[in-house]
N, C-alpha and C. Protein backbone atom coordinates (compact mmCIF):
# COMPACT_ATOMS: atom_id res chain seq x y z
N MET A 1 107.24 132.16 46.88
CA MET A 1 106.25 131.11 46.96
C MET A 1 106.85 129.93 47.72
N VAL A 2 106.01 129.26 48.46
CA VAL A 2 106.51 128.21 49.35
C VAL A 2 106.21 126.79 48.85
N GLU A 3 105.45 126.68 47.76
CA GLU A 3 105.13 125.37 47.21
C GLU A 3 105.17 125.45 45.68
N ILE A 4 105.54 124.36 45.06
CA ILE A 4 105.56 124.30 43.60
C ILE A 4 104.15 124.48 43.04
N SER A 5 103.14 124.00 43.75
CA SER A 5 101.76 124.14 43.28
C SER A 5 101.36 125.61 43.11
N LEU A 6 101.93 126.49 43.90
CA LEU A 6 101.64 127.92 43.75
C LEU A 6 102.29 128.47 42.48
N HIS A 7 103.47 127.96 42.15
CA HIS A 7 104.09 128.34 40.87
C HIS A 7 103.22 127.85 39.72
N ILE A 8 102.67 126.65 39.87
CA ILE A 8 101.79 126.11 38.83
C ILE A 8 100.59 127.03 38.63
N LEU A 9 99.97 127.45 39.70
CA LEU A 9 98.84 128.39 39.60
C LEU A 9 99.24 129.64 38.84
N ASP A 10 100.41 130.17 39.15
CA ASP A 10 100.88 131.39 38.51
C ASP A 10 101.10 131.19 37.01
N VAL A 11 101.77 130.11 36.64
CA VAL A 11 102.03 129.85 35.22
C VAL A 11 100.72 129.61 34.48
N VAL A 12 99.80 128.88 35.09
CA VAL A 12 98.51 128.62 34.45
C VAL A 12 97.72 129.92 34.29
N GLN A 13 97.83 130.83 35.23
CA GLN A 13 97.18 132.14 35.08
C GLN A 13 97.71 132.86 33.84
N ASN A 14 99.02 132.74 33.59
CA ASN A 14 99.59 133.31 32.36
C ASN A 14 98.95 132.66 31.13
N SER A 15 98.77 131.35 31.17
CA SER A 15 98.15 130.63 30.06
C SER A 15 96.72 131.12 29.83
N ILE A 16 96.00 131.33 30.90
CA ILE A 16 94.62 131.79 30.81
C ILE A 16 94.57 133.20 30.21
N LYS A 17 95.48 134.05 30.66
CA LYS A 17 95.55 135.41 30.10
C LYS A 17 95.93 135.39 28.62
N ALA A 18 96.63 134.34 28.21
CA ALA A 18 97.00 134.18 26.80
C ALA A 18 95.90 133.47 26.01
N GLU A 19 94.70 133.39 26.60
CA GLU A 19 93.51 132.86 25.95
C GLU A 19 93.58 131.36 25.64
N ALA A 20 94.31 130.62 26.45
CA ALA A 20 94.37 129.17 26.28
C ALA A 20 93.01 128.55 26.60
N THR A 21 92.64 127.54 25.83
CA THR A 21 91.41 126.80 26.09
C THR A 21 91.71 125.39 26.57
N GLU A 22 92.97 124.96 26.38
CA GLU A 22 93.43 123.66 26.84
C GLU A 22 94.78 123.82 27.52
N ILE A 23 94.87 123.31 28.74
CA ILE A 23 96.11 123.43 29.52
C ILE A 23 96.41 122.07 30.14
N GLU A 24 97.63 121.60 29.91
CA GLU A 24 98.07 120.34 30.50
C GLU A 24 99.15 120.60 31.53
N ILE A 25 98.98 120.00 32.69
CA ILE A 25 99.96 120.10 33.78
C ILE A 25 100.51 118.70 34.01
N PHE A 26 101.81 118.56 33.84
CA PHE A 26 102.46 117.26 34.01
C PHE A 26 103.49 117.37 35.12
N VAL A 27 103.37 116.49 36.10
CA VAL A 27 104.33 116.42 37.21
C VAL A 27 104.92 115.02 37.21
N ASN A 28 106.24 114.94 37.23
CA ASN A 28 106.92 113.65 37.26
C ASN A 28 107.88 113.63 38.45
N GLU A 29 107.57 112.77 39.41
CA GLU A 29 108.47 112.57 40.54
C GLU A 29 109.20 111.26 40.30
N ASP A 30 110.46 111.35 39.93
CA ASP A 30 111.27 110.16 39.64
C ASP A 30 112.39 110.07 40.67
N ILE A 31 112.13 109.33 41.73
CA ILE A 31 113.07 109.21 42.84
C ILE A 31 114.38 108.57 42.37
N SER A 32 114.30 107.57 41.48
CA SER A 32 115.51 106.87 41.03
C SER A 32 116.46 107.81 40.26
N LYS A 33 115.89 108.79 39.59
CA LYS A 33 116.70 109.78 38.86
C LYS A 33 116.90 111.06 39.67
N ASN A 34 116.32 111.09 40.89
CA ASN A 34 116.45 112.23 41.80
C ASN A 34 115.97 113.53 41.16
N ILE A 35 114.78 113.46 40.52
CA ILE A 35 114.28 114.63 39.82
C ILE A 35 112.77 114.78 40.01
N LEU A 36 112.34 116.01 40.09
CA LEU A 36 110.93 116.36 40.03
C LEU A 36 110.81 117.26 38.80
N GLU A 37 110.04 116.80 37.83
CA GLU A 37 109.85 117.55 36.60
C GLU A 37 108.45 118.15 36.57
N LEU A 38 108.37 119.36 36.06
CA LEU A 38 107.11 120.06 35.90
C LEU A 38 107.04 120.55 34.45
N LYS A 39 105.90 120.31 33.81
CA LYS A 39 105.72 120.78 32.44
C LYS A 39 104.29 121.27 32.28
N ILE A 40 104.15 122.51 31.88
CA ILE A 40 102.83 123.10 31.66
C ILE A 40 102.76 123.50 30.19
N THR A 41 101.77 122.95 29.50
CA THR A 41 101.60 123.18 28.07
C THR A 41 100.24 123.81 27.83
N ASP A 42 100.19 124.85 27.00
CA ASP A 42 98.91 125.48 26.68
C ASP A 42 98.79 125.72 25.18
N ASN A 43 97.57 126.00 24.75
CA ASN A 43 97.30 126.32 23.36
C ASN A 43 96.93 127.80 23.20
N GLY A 44 97.51 128.64 24.05
CA GLY A 44 97.21 130.07 24.02
C GLY A 44 97.85 130.79 22.84
N LYS A 45 97.88 132.12 22.93
CA LYS A 45 98.38 132.97 21.84
C LYS A 45 99.86 132.76 21.54
N GLY A 46 100.61 132.31 22.52
CA GLY A 46 102.04 132.13 22.33
C GLY A 46 102.79 133.46 22.42
N MET A 47 104.11 133.36 22.34
CA MET A 47 104.97 134.53 22.45
C MET A 47 106.00 134.52 21.33
N SER A 48 106.47 135.70 21.00
CA SER A 48 107.51 135.80 19.98
C SER A 48 108.82 135.22 20.52
N GLU A 49 109.69 134.83 19.60
CA GLU A 49 111.00 134.30 19.98
C GLU A 49 111.78 135.33 20.81
N GLU A 50 111.67 136.58 20.44
CA GLU A 50 112.37 137.66 21.15
C GLU A 50 111.85 137.79 22.58
N PHE A 51 110.53 137.72 22.75
CA PHE A 51 109.95 137.84 24.09
C PHE A 51 110.35 136.65 24.95
N VAL A 52 110.36 135.45 24.38
CA VAL A 52 110.73 134.25 25.13
C VAL A 52 112.16 134.37 25.68
N LYS A 53 113.06 134.99 24.91
CA LYS A 53 114.45 135.16 25.36
C LYS A 53 114.53 135.97 26.65
N ASN A 54 113.58 136.86 26.87
CA ASN A 54 113.61 137.75 28.03
C ASN A 54 112.52 137.46 29.05
N VAL A 55 111.80 136.37 28.87
CA VAL A 55 110.60 136.12 29.67
C VAL A 55 110.90 135.92 31.16
N THR A 56 112.12 135.52 31.52
CA THR A 56 112.43 135.34 32.94
C THR A 56 113.00 136.60 33.59
N ASP A 57 113.11 137.66 32.84
CA ASP A 57 113.50 138.95 33.40
C ASP A 57 112.30 139.51 34.16
N PRO A 58 112.43 139.80 35.46
CA PRO A 58 111.27 140.24 36.23
C PRO A 58 110.70 141.58 35.76
N PHE A 59 111.44 142.31 34.93
CA PHE A 59 110.95 143.60 34.45
C PHE A 59 110.39 143.50 33.04
N VAL A 60 110.13 142.26 32.59
CA VAL A 60 109.52 142.03 31.29
C VAL A 60 108.17 141.37 31.53
N THR A 61 107.12 141.98 31.02
CA THR A 61 105.78 141.43 31.16
C THR A 61 104.92 141.91 30.00
N MET A 62 103.89 141.15 29.69
CA MET A 62 102.92 141.57 28.68
C MET A 62 101.75 142.30 29.33
N ARG A 63 101.73 142.33 30.64
CA ARG A 63 100.63 142.97 31.36
C ARG A 63 100.67 144.47 31.18
N LYS A 64 99.48 145.04 31.13
CA LYS A 64 99.37 146.50 31.01
C LYS A 64 99.18 147.15 32.38
N THR A 65 98.75 146.34 33.38
CA THR A 65 98.40 146.89 34.69
C THR A 65 99.59 147.08 35.61
N ARG A 66 100.70 146.37 35.35
CA ARG A 66 101.90 146.56 36.16
C ARG A 66 103.13 146.28 35.30
N LYS A 67 104.25 146.79 35.73
CA LYS A 67 105.44 146.73 34.90
C LYS A 67 106.42 145.62 35.28
N VAL A 68 106.01 144.72 36.17
CA VAL A 68 106.88 143.61 36.54
C VAL A 68 106.13 142.29 36.34
N GLY A 69 106.89 141.26 36.03
CA GLY A 69 106.34 139.93 35.86
C GLY A 69 107.24 138.94 36.58
N LEU A 70 106.95 138.67 37.84
CA LEU A 70 107.85 137.89 38.67
C LEU A 70 107.66 136.38 38.56
N GLY A 71 106.53 135.91 38.04
CA GLY A 71 106.20 134.50 38.09
C GLY A 71 107.25 133.56 37.53
N LEU A 72 107.62 133.72 36.28
CA LEU A 72 108.58 132.81 35.67
C LEU A 72 109.99 132.99 36.23
N SER A 73 110.34 134.21 36.59
CA SER A 73 111.67 134.41 37.18
C SER A 73 111.76 133.73 38.55
N LEU A 74 110.68 133.73 39.32
CA LEU A 74 110.67 133.05 40.62
C LEU A 74 110.71 131.54 40.45
N LEU A 75 109.99 131.00 39.46
CA LEU A 75 110.03 129.57 39.19
C LEU A 75 111.43 129.15 38.76
N LYS A 76 112.03 129.92 37.89
CA LYS A 76 113.39 129.62 37.43
C LYS A 76 114.36 129.62 38.61
N SER A 77 114.25 130.61 39.45
CA SER A 77 115.12 130.72 40.62
C SER A 77 114.92 129.53 41.57
N ALA A 78 113.67 129.13 41.78
CA ALA A 78 113.38 128.00 42.67
C ALA A 78 113.98 126.72 42.12
N ALA A 79 113.87 126.50 40.81
CA ALA A 79 114.43 125.30 40.20
C ALA A 79 115.96 125.32 40.28
N GLU A 80 116.56 126.45 39.92
CA GLU A 80 118.02 126.56 39.92
C GLU A 80 118.61 126.44 41.32
N LEU A 81 117.87 126.88 42.32
CA LEU A 81 118.33 126.78 43.70
C LEU A 81 118.58 125.33 44.11
N THR A 82 117.86 124.41 43.48
CA THR A 82 118.03 122.98 43.78
C THR A 82 119.08 122.33 42.89
N GLY A 83 119.59 123.07 41.92
CA GLY A 83 120.50 122.49 40.93
C GLY A 83 119.78 122.12 39.65
N GLY A 84 118.52 122.50 39.55
CA GLY A 84 117.70 122.22 38.38
C GLY A 84 117.72 123.36 37.38
N SER A 85 116.71 123.39 36.53
CA SER A 85 116.66 124.40 35.48
C SER A 85 115.21 124.65 35.06
N MET A 86 115.03 125.68 34.25
CA MET A 86 113.73 125.99 33.68
C MET A 86 113.91 126.46 32.26
N LYS A 87 112.97 126.11 31.39
CA LYS A 87 113.01 126.63 30.03
C LYS A 87 111.59 126.89 29.55
N VAL A 88 111.49 127.83 28.64
CA VAL A 88 110.21 128.21 28.06
C VAL A 88 110.34 128.14 26.55
N SER A 89 109.38 127.51 25.91
CA SER A 89 109.33 127.52 24.45
C SER A 89 107.92 127.94 24.04
N SER A 90 107.83 128.66 22.95
CA SER A 90 106.54 129.19 22.54
C SER A 90 106.55 129.51 21.05
N LYS A 91 105.38 129.41 20.46
CA LYS A 91 105.18 129.80 19.07
C LYS A 91 103.91 130.64 19.01
N ILE A 92 103.99 131.78 18.37
CA ILE A 92 102.82 132.64 18.23
C ILE A 92 101.72 131.86 17.51
N GLY A 93 100.53 131.91 18.10
CA GLY A 93 99.39 131.22 17.53
C GLY A 93 99.31 129.73 17.86
N LYS A 94 100.33 129.20 18.50
CA LYS A 94 100.37 127.76 18.80
C LYS A 94 100.32 127.47 20.30
N GLY A 95 100.91 128.34 21.12
CA GLY A 95 100.91 128.11 22.55
C GLY A 95 102.31 128.13 23.15
N THR A 96 102.37 127.76 24.42
CA THR A 96 103.59 127.87 25.20
C THR A 96 103.79 126.62 26.04
N VAL A 97 105.06 126.28 26.25
CA VAL A 97 105.44 125.17 27.13
C VAL A 97 106.44 125.71 28.14
N VAL A 98 106.15 125.52 29.42
CA VAL A 98 107.07 125.89 30.50
C VAL A 98 107.50 124.60 31.17
N GLU A 99 108.81 124.37 31.25
CA GLU A 99 109.35 123.17 31.87
C GLU A 99 110.32 123.56 32.96
N ALA A 100 110.20 122.92 34.10
CA ALA A 100 111.13 123.15 35.21
C ALA A 100 111.51 121.81 35.81
N ASP A 101 112.79 121.67 36.10
CA ASP A 101 113.31 120.46 36.74
C ASP A 101 113.91 120.86 38.08
N PHE A 102 113.59 120.07 39.10
CA PHE A 102 114.10 120.29 40.45
C PHE A 102 114.87 119.04 40.88
N VAL A 103 116.00 119.22 41.56
CA VAL A 103 116.69 118.08 42.16
C VAL A 103 115.81 117.62 43.32
N TYR A 104 115.35 116.38 43.25
CA TYR A 104 114.32 115.89 44.17
C TYR A 104 114.74 115.96 45.63
N ASP A 105 115.95 115.49 45.94
CA ASP A 105 116.35 115.44 47.35
C ASP A 105 117.09 116.68 47.83
N SER A 106 117.06 117.73 47.04
CA SER A 106 117.72 118.98 47.46
C SER A 106 117.01 119.56 48.68
N ILE A 107 117.79 119.98 49.63
CA ILE A 107 117.22 120.61 50.83
C ILE A 107 116.50 121.91 50.47
N ASP A 108 116.85 122.47 49.32
CA ASP A 108 116.25 123.73 48.88
C ASP A 108 114.99 123.54 48.03
N ARG A 109 114.64 122.27 47.73
CA ARG A 109 113.42 122.06 46.93
C ARG A 109 112.20 122.23 47.81
N MET A 110 111.33 123.12 47.39
CA MET A 110 110.08 123.31 48.11
C MET A 110 109.18 122.11 47.87
N PRO A 111 108.23 121.87 48.76
CA PRO A 111 107.31 120.75 48.54
C PRO A 111 106.42 121.01 47.33
N LEU A 112 105.90 119.94 46.75
CA LEU A 112 104.99 120.08 45.62
C LEU A 112 103.74 120.84 46.03
N GLY A 113 103.21 120.56 47.19
CA GLY A 113 102.01 121.25 47.65
C GLY A 113 100.76 120.45 47.35
N ASP A 114 99.63 121.07 47.55
CA ASP A 114 98.32 120.42 47.44
C ASP A 114 97.80 120.52 46.00
N MET A 115 98.14 119.52 45.19
CA MET A 115 97.74 119.55 43.79
C MET A 115 96.23 119.36 43.61
N ALA A 116 95.58 118.65 44.51
CA ALA A 116 94.13 118.49 44.41
C ALA A 116 93.45 119.84 44.57
N PHE A 117 93.85 120.60 45.58
CA PHE A 117 93.27 121.92 45.81
C PHE A 117 93.61 122.86 44.65
N THR A 118 94.84 122.76 44.14
CA THR A 118 95.25 123.59 43.00
C THR A 118 94.35 123.32 41.80
N MET A 119 94.12 122.06 41.49
CA MET A 119 93.29 121.71 40.34
C MET A 119 91.83 122.13 40.55
N VAL A 120 91.31 121.95 41.75
CA VAL A 120 89.94 122.36 42.03
C VAL A 120 89.80 123.87 41.88
N THR A 121 90.79 124.61 42.35
CA THR A 121 90.77 126.07 42.21
C THR A 121 90.74 126.47 40.75
N LEU A 122 91.59 125.82 39.95
CA LEU A 122 91.63 126.14 38.51
C LEU A 122 90.30 125.82 37.83
N VAL A 123 89.74 124.66 38.13
CA VAL A 123 88.47 124.26 37.52
C VAL A 123 87.34 125.17 37.97
N ALA A 124 87.28 125.48 39.25
CA ALA A 124 86.20 126.33 39.79
C ALA A 124 86.22 127.72 39.17
N CYS A 125 87.41 128.26 38.99
CA CYS A 125 87.54 129.63 38.47
C CYS A 125 87.51 129.69 36.94
N ASN A 126 87.71 128.54 36.29
CA ASN A 126 87.80 128.52 34.83
C ASN A 126 87.08 127.29 34.26
N PRO A 127 85.77 127.19 34.48
CA PRO A 127 85.06 125.97 34.10
C PRO A 127 85.03 125.71 32.59
N ASP A 128 85.27 126.72 31.78
CA ASP A 128 85.23 126.54 30.33
C ASP A 128 86.55 126.07 29.75
N ILE A 129 87.60 126.08 30.54
CA ILE A 129 88.91 125.63 30.07
C ILE A 129 89.05 124.14 30.32
N ASP A 130 89.64 123.44 29.36
CA ASP A 130 89.90 122.02 29.53
C ASP A 130 91.28 121.83 30.14
N PHE A 131 91.31 121.22 31.32
CA PHE A 131 92.55 120.95 32.02
C PHE A 131 92.84 119.46 32.00
N VAL A 132 94.11 119.13 31.82
CA VAL A 132 94.58 117.77 31.98
C VAL A 132 95.69 117.82 33.02
N TYR A 133 95.58 116.97 34.02
CA TYR A 133 96.61 116.88 35.06
C TYR A 133 97.13 115.46 35.05
N ILE A 134 98.42 115.32 34.76
CA ILE A 134 99.06 114.00 34.75
C ILE A 134 100.14 114.02 35.82
N HIS A 135 100.09 113.05 36.70
CA HIS A 135 101.08 112.95 37.77
C HIS A 135 101.72 111.57 37.68
N LYS A 136 103.01 111.58 37.49
CA LYS A 136 103.77 110.33 37.40
C LYS A 136 104.66 110.23 38.63
N TYR A 137 104.64 109.09 39.27
CA TYR A 137 105.45 108.87 40.47
C TYR A 137 106.13 107.51 40.35
N CYS A 138 107.43 107.54 40.23
CA CYS A 138 108.23 106.31 40.14
C CYS A 138 107.66 105.34 39.09
N GLY A 139 107.27 105.88 37.95
CA GLY A 139 106.78 105.06 36.84
C GLY A 139 105.29 104.84 36.81
N LYS A 140 104.57 105.06 37.92
CA LYS A 140 103.11 104.89 37.94
C LYS A 140 102.46 106.22 37.55
N ILE A 141 101.32 106.16 36.86
CA ILE A 141 100.69 107.37 36.33
C ILE A 141 99.25 107.52 36.81
N PHE A 142 98.91 108.76 37.19
CA PHE A 142 97.54 109.16 37.48
C PHE A 142 97.19 110.27 36.51
N GLU A 143 95.98 110.21 35.94
CA GLU A 143 95.56 111.26 35.00
C GLU A 143 94.16 111.73 35.32
N PHE A 144 93.98 113.05 35.23
CA PHE A 144 92.68 113.68 35.43
C PHE A 144 92.43 114.62 34.25
N SER A 145 91.24 114.57 33.69
CA SER A 145 90.89 115.42 32.55
C SER A 145 89.50 116.01 32.75
N THR A 146 89.40 117.33 32.69
CA THR A 146 88.08 117.94 32.82
C THR A 146 87.20 117.61 31.61
N LYS A 147 87.81 117.41 30.45
CA LYS A 147 87.03 117.05 29.26
C LYS A 147 86.30 115.73 29.50
N LYS A 148 87.01 114.75 30.09
CA LYS A 148 86.39 113.45 30.38
C LYS A 148 85.31 113.59 31.45
N VAL A 149 85.58 114.40 32.47
CA VAL A 149 84.60 114.61 33.53
C VAL A 149 83.34 115.26 32.96
N LYS A 150 83.52 116.27 32.10
CA LYS A 150 82.37 116.95 31.50
C LYS A 150 81.52 115.97 30.67
N GLU A 151 82.17 115.04 29.97
CA GLU A 151 81.42 114.04 29.20
C GLU A 151 80.57 113.17 30.12
N ILE A 152 81.15 112.77 31.25
CA ILE A 152 80.43 111.94 32.21
C ILE A 152 79.29 112.72 32.85
N LEU A 153 79.52 114.01 33.11
CA LEU A 153 78.50 114.84 33.76
C LEU A 153 77.29 115.07 32.85
N ASN A 154 77.49 114.96 31.55
CA ASN A 154 76.41 115.06 30.58
C ASN A 154 75.52 116.28 30.83
N GLY A 155 76.15 117.46 30.86
CA GLY A 155 75.38 118.70 31.00
C GLY A 155 75.35 119.29 32.40
N VAL A 156 75.70 118.51 33.42
CA VAL A 156 75.77 119.05 34.78
C VAL A 156 76.99 119.97 34.84
N PHE A 157 76.84 121.13 35.44
CA PHE A 157 77.91 122.13 35.49
C PHE A 157 79.09 121.63 36.33
N ILE A 158 80.28 121.66 35.75
CA ILE A 158 81.48 121.16 36.42
C ILE A 158 81.85 122.00 37.64
N GLY A 159 81.37 123.23 37.69
CA GLY A 159 81.68 124.12 38.81
C GLY A 159 80.76 123.97 40.01
N GLU A 160 79.81 123.04 39.95
CA GLU A 160 78.93 122.79 41.10
C GLU A 160 79.76 122.30 42.27
N GLN A 161 79.40 122.72 43.47
CA GLN A 161 80.17 122.38 44.66
C GLN A 161 80.36 120.88 44.84
N SER A 162 79.30 120.12 44.61
CA SER A 162 79.41 118.66 44.79
C SER A 162 80.37 118.04 43.77
N VAL A 163 80.40 118.58 42.56
CA VAL A 163 81.31 118.09 41.53
C VAL A 163 82.75 118.46 41.89
N LEU A 164 82.94 119.68 42.34
CA LEU A 164 84.28 120.12 42.74
C LEU A 164 84.81 119.29 43.90
N GLN A 165 83.93 118.95 44.85
CA GLN A 165 84.34 118.10 45.97
C GLN A 165 84.73 116.72 45.48
N TRP A 166 83.95 116.20 44.53
CA TRP A 166 84.29 114.90 43.95
C TRP A 166 85.65 114.95 43.25
N ILE A 167 85.90 116.03 42.50
CA ILE A 167 87.19 116.19 41.80
C ILE A 167 88.33 116.19 42.80
N GLU A 168 88.18 116.96 43.86
CA GLU A 168 89.24 117.02 44.88
C GLU A 168 89.49 115.64 45.48
N ASP A 169 88.43 114.96 45.86
CA ASP A 169 88.57 113.62 46.45
C ASP A 169 89.21 112.65 45.47
N TYR A 170 88.81 112.73 44.21
CA TYR A 170 89.34 111.85 43.18
C TYR A 170 90.85 112.06 43.00
N ILE A 171 91.27 113.31 42.95
CA ILE A 171 92.70 113.61 42.77
C ILE A 171 93.50 113.20 44.00
N VAL A 172 93.00 113.49 45.19
CA VAL A 172 93.69 113.08 46.43
C VAL A 172 93.87 111.56 46.43
N GLU A 173 92.80 110.84 46.13
CA GLU A 173 92.85 109.38 46.11
C GLU A 173 93.82 108.88 45.04
N GLY A 174 93.80 109.51 43.89
CA GLY A 174 94.69 109.10 42.80
C GLY A 174 96.16 109.28 43.14
N ILE A 175 96.48 110.39 43.76
CA ILE A 175 97.88 110.65 44.15
C ILE A 175 98.29 109.70 45.28
N CYS A 176 97.39 109.45 46.22
CA CYS A 176 97.70 108.49 47.29
C CYS A 176 97.97 107.11 46.72
N GLU A 177 97.18 106.67 45.76
CA GLU A 177 97.39 105.37 45.13
C GLU A 177 98.76 105.30 44.44
N LEU A 178 99.16 106.39 43.82
CA LEU A 178 100.48 106.44 43.16
C LEU A 178 101.61 106.18 44.15
N LYS A 179 101.47 106.72 45.33
CA LYS A 179 102.58 106.71 46.30
C LYS A 179 102.56 105.52 47.23
N LYS A 180 101.64 104.56 46.98
CA LYS A 180 101.60 103.34 47.81
C LYS A 180 102.73 102.41 47.43
């Protein structure tokens, strides 16, 4: 994968397969600490302690359709390549947390990617899931919540093209404001 946002899509797909109804994506770009942190939290089925110990092994997966699970092992490798790390914690019936830290100025750190497009893709394909996207940049915070958007829409379908376009524009503008 060439962007962190693609790793986010992959991890969130795991959350969706684990029947999560609420997924939070937190990105923290802290230039002063030279770190980019990623944290994805879900309320899905969770995993056993034993499975979590082996979850980054590419030949360990819960999928029935194929015998390899490359997503978390690739994220771990990408983080470690920069001098960072990745960890997974989970409780059966409670959900899962995936955290990855990247050395911000590492030449090996891939770009974050298009988070607005990533979020629109997730919302369009999973309108019944509540997503929260929090992006912190040098102490400033931008937050997007589909639950809040749905309240404002008051019955209008969140997957409508005009709503999705508004979401994309809103996130792009929010991230731009952070980086001013």
